[in-house]
Amino acid sequence: MSITADEEVLHGLPRLEGTRISVLDVHDAVMAADRTPAEAANGLDLSLGEVYEALAYYYTNPEEIRRFRERRETDRDALDSRTVKPPIEANDSR
């Protein structure tokens, strides 16, 4: 398997070919979730080699990954600003 990117799949995020699992998903499954690569592989239904391939891509392409993280955050903020909050949340003053 190899890393690929296509604007029509995951908006161009680098991903494992033949899947919708992005390099960012793999990195976050290992680093942010504090799992071993083997645990992440099991949880994502990937081989250990695929996890290491995604991690290698992540660390070999830091500028590309930084741009995708920034774009993801911008998109998330835009969606959050358009989301209608239930009245109880909107009036909650805690």
C-alpha atoms as a PDB file:
ATOM      1  CA  MET A   1       0.000   0.000   0.000  1.00  0.00           C
ATOM      2  CA  SER A   2       1.172   3.529  -0.527  1.00  0.00           C
ATOM      3  CA  ILE A   3       0.234   7.070   0.381  1.00  0.00           C
ATOM      4  CA  THR A   4      -1.919   8.919  -2.117  1.00  0.00           C
ATOM      5  CA  ALA A   5      -3.907  12.143  -2.311  1.00  0.00           C
ATOM      6  CA  ASP A   6      -6.929  13.008  -4.402  1.00  0.00           C
ATOM      7  CA  GLU A   7      -9.032  16.158  -4.036  1.00  0.00           C
ATOM      8  CA  GLU A   8     -12.145  14.020  -4.487  1.00  0.00           C
ATOM      9  CA  VAL A   9     -11.330  11.843  -1.461  1.00  0.00           C
ATOM     10  CA  LEU A  10     -10.923  13.480   1.960  1.00  0.00           C
ATOM     11  CA  HIS A  11     -10.417  16.852   0.245  1.00  0.00           C
ATOM     12  CA  GLY A  12      -6.912  15.883  -0.805  1.00  0.00           C
ATOM     13  CA  LEU A  13      -5.580  14.769   2.563  1.00  0.00           C
ATOM     14  CA  PRO A  14      -2.725  12.300   2.145  1.00  0.00           C
ATOM     15  CA  ARG A  15      -4.186   8.877   2.917  1.00  0.00           C
ATOM     16  CA  LEU A  16      -3.448   5.205   2.667  1.00  0.00           C
ATOM     17  CA  GLU A  17      -4.332   4.166  -0.870  1.00  0.00           C
ATOM     18  CA  GLY A  18      -7.567   2.209  -1.077  1.00  0.00           C
ATOM     19  CA  THR A  19      -8.830   3.585   2.238  1.00  0.00           C
ATOM     20  CA  ARG A  20     -10.343   6.727   3.686  1.00  0.00           C
ATOM     21  CA  ILE A  21      -7.779   6.680   6.511  1.00  0.00           C
ATOM     22  CA  SER A  22      -5.608   9.779   6.367  1.00  0.00           C
ATOM     23  CA  VAL A  23      -2.030  10.167   7.470  1.00  0.00           C
ATOM     24  CA  LEU A  24      -3.347  12.586  10.114  1.00  0.00           C
ATOM     25  CA  ASP A  25      -5.792   9.941  11.370  1.00  0.00           C
ATOM     26  CA  VAL A  26      -2.964   7.441  11.790  1.00  0.00           C
ATOM     27  CA  HIS A  27      -0.677   9.955  13.491  1.00  0.00           C
ATOM     28  CA  ASP A  28      -3.423  11.034  15.866  1.00  0.00           C
ATOM     29  CA  ALA A  29      -4.381   7.426  16.611  1.00  0.00           C
ATOM     30  CA  VAL A  30      -0.819   6.817  17.756  1.00  0.00           C
ATOM     31  CA  MET A  31       0.344  10.090  19.254  1.00  0.00           C
ATOM     32  CA  ALA A  32      -2.808  11.878  20.468  1.00  0.00           C
ATOM     33  CA  ALA A  33      -4.427   8.670  21.712  1.00  0.00           C
ATOM     34  CA  ASP A  34      -1.164   7.575  23.354  1.00  0.00           C
ATOM     35  CA  ARG A  35      -1.246   4.157  21.689  1.00  0.00           C
ATOM     36  CA  THR A  36       1.506   1.983  20.356  1.00  0.00           C
ATOM     37  CA  PRO A  37       1.690   1.662  16.568  1.00  0.00           C
ATOM     38  CA  ALA A  38       0.486  -1.951  16.951  1.00  0.00           C
ATOM     39  CA  GLU A  39      -2.565  -0.826  18.953  1.00  0.00           C
ATOM     40  CA  ALA A  40      -3.358   1.857  16.365  1.00  0.00           C
ATOM     41  CA  ALA A  41      -2.995  -0.681  13.552  1.00  0.00           C
ATOM     42  CA  ASN A  42      -5.430  -3.001  15.279  1.00  0.00           C
ATOM     43  CA  GLY A  43      -7.908  -0.189  15.977  1.00  0.00           C
ATOM     44  CA  LEU A  44      -7.781   1.133  12.409  1.00  0.00           C
ATOM     45  CA  ASP A  45      -7.748  -2.346  10.807  1.00  0.00           C
ATOM     46  CA  LEU A  46      -4.363  -1.671   9.182  1.00  0.00           C
ATOM     47  CA  SER A  47      -1.144  -3.606   9.073  1.00  0.00           C
ATOM     48  CA  LEU A  48       1.695  -2.435  11.262  1.00  0.00           C
ATOM     49  CA  GLY A  49       3.634  -1.634   8.085  1.00  0.00           C
ATOM     50  CA  GLU A  50       0.837   0.672   6.907  1.00  0.00           C
ATOM     51  CA  VAL A  51       0.905   2.531  10.206  1.00  0.00           C
ATOM     52  CA  TYR A  52       4.659   3.022   9.949  1.00  0.00           C
ATOM     53  CA  GLU A  53       4.324   4.094   6.314  1.00  0.00           C
ATOM     54  CA  ALA A  54       1.776   6.761   7.294  1.00  0.00           C
ATOM     55  CA  LEU A  55       3.935   7.929  10.199  1.00  0.00           C
ATOM     56  CA  ALA A  56       6.997   8.122   7.958  1.00  0.00           C
ATOM     57  CA  TYR A  57       5.013  10.253   5.488  1.00  0.00           C
ATOM     58  CA  TYR A  58       3.820  12.491   8.333  1.00  0.00           C
ATOM     59  CA  TYR A  59       7.346  13.180   9.565  1.00  0.00           C
ATOM     60  CA  THR A  60       8.884  13.445   6.075  1.00  0.00           C
ATOM     61  CA  ASN A  61       6.400  16.106   4.906  1.00  0.00           C
ATOM     62  CA  PRO A  62       5.978  18.507   7.845  1.00  0.00           C
ATOM     63  CA  GLU A  63       5.019  21.587   5.802  1.00  0.00           C
ATOM     64  CA  GLU A  64       2.341  19.732   3.858  1.00  0.00           C
ATOM     65  CA  ILE A  65       0.943  18.257   7.068  1.00  0.00           C
ATOM     66  CA  ARG A  66       0.991  21.676   8.770  1.00  0.00           C
ATOM     67  CA  ARG A  67      -1.058  23.156   5.892  1.00  0.00           C
ATOM     68  CA  PHE A  68      -3.625  20.347   6.118  1.00  0.00           C
ATOM     69  CA  ARG A  69      -3.911  20.737   9.894  1.00  0.00           C
ATOM     70  CA  GLU A  70      -4.464  24.489   9.482  1.00  0.00           C
ATOM     71  CA  ARG A  71      -7.073  23.897   6.772  1.00  0.00           C
ATOM     72  CA  ARG A  72      -8.827  21.313   8.937  1.00  0.00           C
ATOM     73  CA  GLU A  73      -8.972  23.762  11.841  1.00  0.00           C
ATOM     74  CA  THR A  74     -10.261  26.568   9.617  1.00  0.00           C
ATOM     75  CA  ASP A  75     -12.945  24.278   8.178  1.00  0.00           C
ATOM     76  CA  ARG A  76     -13.907  23.081  11.665  1.00  0.00           C
ATOM     77  CA  ASP A  77     -14.190  26.675  12.933  1.00  0.00           C
ATOM     78  CA  ALA A  78     -16.327  27.650   9.938  1.00  0.00           C
ATOM     79  CA  LEU A  79     -18.668  24.709  10.527  1.00  0.00           C
ATOM     80  CA  ASP A  80     -18.849  25.432  14.235  1.00  0.00           C
ATOM     81  CA  SER A  81     -19.840  29.048  13.575  1.00  0.00           C
ATOM     82  CA  ARG A  82     -22.709  27.869  11.335  1.00  0.00           C
ATOM     83  CA  THR A  83     -23.940  25.179  13.711  1.00  0.00           C
ATOM     84  CA  VAL A  84     -27.212  25.914  15.426  1.00  0.00           C
ATOM     85  CA  LYS A  85     -26.872  25.271  19.121  1.00  0.00           C
ATOM     86  CA  PRO A  86     -29.807  23.856  21.084  1.00  0.00           C
ATOM     87  CA  PRO A  87     -31.523  26.597  23.127  1.00  0.00           C
ATOM     88  CA  ILE A  88     -30.371  25.109  26.411  1.00  0.00           C
ATOM     89  CA  GLU A  89     -26.714  25.390  25.323  1.00  0.00           C
ATOM     90  CA  ALA A  90     -27.153  28.868  23.906  1.00  0.00           C
ATOM     91  CA  ASN A  91     -28.601  30.117  27.226  1.00  0.00           C
ATOM     92  CA  ASP A  92     -26.340  28.103  29.518  1.00  0.00           C
ATOM     93  CA  SER A  93     -24.258  30.601  31.492  1.00  0.00           C
ATOM     94  CA  ARG A  94     -22.035  28.145  33.346  1.00  0.00           C
END
